[in-house]
C-alpha atoms as a PDB file:
ATOM      1  CA  MET A   1      -2.310   9.659  -9.605  1.00  0.00           C
ATOM      2  CA  ALA A   2      -0.014   6.188  -9.489  1.00  0.00           C
ATOM      3  CA  LEU A   3      -2.661   4.806  -7.080  1.00  0.00           C
ATOM      4  CA  LEU A   4      -5.290   5.643  -9.619  1.00  0.00           C
ATOM      5  CA  PHE A   5      -3.327   4.216 -12.332  1.00  0.00           C
ATOM      6  CA  GLY A   6      -2.618   0.741  -9.830  1.00  0.00           C
ATOM      7  CA  LEU A   7      -6.267   0.425  -9.287  1.00  0.00           C
ATOM      8  CA  ALA A   8      -7.214   0.735 -12.948  1.00  0.00           C
ATOM      9  CA  ILE A   9      -4.565  -2.300 -13.393  1.00  0.00           C
ATOM     10  CA  LEU A  10      -6.107  -4.277 -10.644  1.00  0.00           C
ATOM     11  CA  LEU A  11      -9.599  -3.877 -12.072  1.00  0.00           C
ATOM     12  CA  VAL A  12      -8.300  -5.050 -15.364  1.00  0.00           C
ATOM     13  CA  ILE A  13      -6.240  -7.766 -14.047  1.00  0.00           C
ATOM     14  CA  LEU A  14      -9.708  -8.899 -12.007  1.00  0.00           C
ATOM     15  CA  ILE A  15     -12.075  -8.929 -14.915  1.00  0.00           C
ATOM     16  CA  PRO A  16     -11.415 -12.625 -15.731  1.00  0.00           C
ATOM     17  CA  PHE A  17     -12.206 -13.663 -12.277  1.00  0.00           C
ATOM     18  CA  VAL A  18     -15.375 -12.261 -11.861  1.00  0.00           C
ATOM     19  CA  PRO A  19     -17.224 -15.746 -12.470  1.00  0.00           C
ATOM     20  CA  ALA A  20     -15.269 -17.028  -9.709  1.00  0.00           C
ATOM     21  CA  LEU A  21     -15.831 -14.213  -7.590  1.00  0.00           C
ATOM     22  CA  LEU A  22     -19.632 -14.319  -7.865  1.00  0.00           C
ATOM     23  CA  ARG A  23     -19.458 -18.095  -7.041  1.00  0.00           C
ATOM     24  CA  LEU A  24     -17.739 -17.410  -4.102  1.00  0.00           C
ATOM     25  CA  ARG A  25     -20.612 -14.704  -3.339  1.00  0.00           C
ATOM     26  CA  ILE A  26     -23.090 -17.404  -3.899  1.00  0.00           C
ATOM     27  CA  ARG A  27     -21.451 -19.621  -1.500  1.00  0.00           C
ATOM     28  CA  PHE A  28     -21.455 -16.881   1.221  1.00  0.00           C
ATOM     29  CA  PHE A  29     -25.373 -16.410   0.786  1.00  0.00           C
ATOM     30  CA  ARG A  30     -25.878 -20.055   0.881  1.00  0.00           C
ATOM     31  CA  TRP A  31     -23.698 -20.372   4.432  1.00  0.00           C
ATOM     32  CA  ILE A  32     -25.581 -17.673   6.043  1.00  0.00           C
ATOM     33  CA  HIS A  33     -28.822 -19.215   4.582  1.00  0.00           C
ATOM     34  CA  TRP A  34     -29.992 -16.284   2.656  1.00  0.00           C
ATOM     35  CA  THR A  35     -31.817 -18.757  -0.057  1.00  0.00           C
ATOM     36  CA  TRP A  36     -33.532 -15.710  -1.770  1.00  0.00           C
ATOM     37  CA  ALA A  37     -30.069 -13.885  -2.511  1.00  0.00           C
ATOM     38  CA  PHE A  38     -28.845 -17.494  -3.568  1.00  0.00           C
ATOM     39  CA  ASP A  39     -31.847 -18.064  -6.065  1.00  0.00           C
ATOM     40  CA  VAL A  40     -31.689 -14.844  -7.393  1.00  0.00           C
ATOM     41  CA  HIS A  41     -27.758 -15.226  -8.269  1.00  0.00           C
ATOM     42  CA  GLU A  42     -28.117 -18.805  -9.469  1.00  0.00           C
ATOM     43  CA  LYS A  43     -31.092 -17.596 -11.788  1.00  0.00           C
ATOM     44  CA  TYR A  44     -29.273 -14.426 -13.350  1.00  0.00           C
ATOM     45  CA  PHE A  45     -25.645 -15.585 -12.966  1.00  0.00           C
ATOM     46  CA  ASP A  46     -24.628 -14.788 -16.794  1.00  0.00           C
ATOM     47  CA  GLY A  47     -26.269 -11.396 -16.528  1.00  0.00           C
ATOM     48  CA  LEU A  48     -24.518 -10.544 -13.197  1.00  0.00           C
ATOM     49  CA  VAL A  49     -21.297 -11.553 -14.699  1.00  0.00           C
ATOM     50  CA  LEU A  50     -21.549  -9.340 -17.798  1.00  0.00           C
ATOM     51  CA  PHE A  51     -22.779  -6.423 -15.871  1.00  0.00           C
ATOM     52  CA  ALA A  52     -19.996  -6.748 -13.106  1.00  0.00           C
ATOM     53  CA  ARG A  53     -17.266  -7.037 -16.073  1.00  0.00           C
ATOM     54  CA  ILE A  54     -18.480  -4.205 -17.943  1.00  0.00           C
ATOM     55  CA  THR A  55     -18.608  -1.902 -14.990  1.00  0.00           C
ATOM     56  CA  MET A  56     -15.142  -2.841 -13.895  1.00  0.00           C
ATOM     57  CA  PHE A  57     -14.070  -2.327 -17.500  1.00  0.00           C
ATOM     58  CA  LEU A  58     -15.683   1.224 -17.064  1.00  0.00           C
ATOM     59  CA  LEU A  59     -14.534   1.934 -13.737  1.00  0.00           C
ATOM     60  CA  ALA A  60     -10.685   1.229 -15.277  1.00  0.00           C
ATOM     61  CA  ALA A  61     -11.018   3.517 -18.264  1.00  0.00           C
ATOM     62  CA  LEU A  62     -12.430   6.239 -16.119  1.00  0.00           C
ATOM     63  CA  LEU A  63      -9.542   5.827 -13.440  1.00  0.00           C
ATOM     64  CA  LEU A  64      -6.986   5.572 -16.227  1.00  0.00           C
ATOM     65  CA  TYR A  65      -8.284   8.465 -18.181  1.00  0.00           C
ATOM     66  CA  ILE A  66      -8.198  10.550 -14.516  1.00  0.00           C
ATOM     67  CA  ALA A  67      -4.805   9.352 -13.821  1.00  0.00           C
ATOM     68  CA  TRP A  68      -3.688  10.145 -17.324  1.00  0.00           C
END
């Protein structure tokens, strides 16, 4: 139970850092020369950030519900 609660807190803490994590992912794709993945992430960056934040929030809420 404590592990689930800790993971939920970690997800909530990481929500503001989603844009930085996605930019790191874009740099990684550029580094391995996956231009198609780089283009997709650049084109849909705002949508991907919103999707990742909502997903992380829902996962945190689910983990809190299970751990409570």
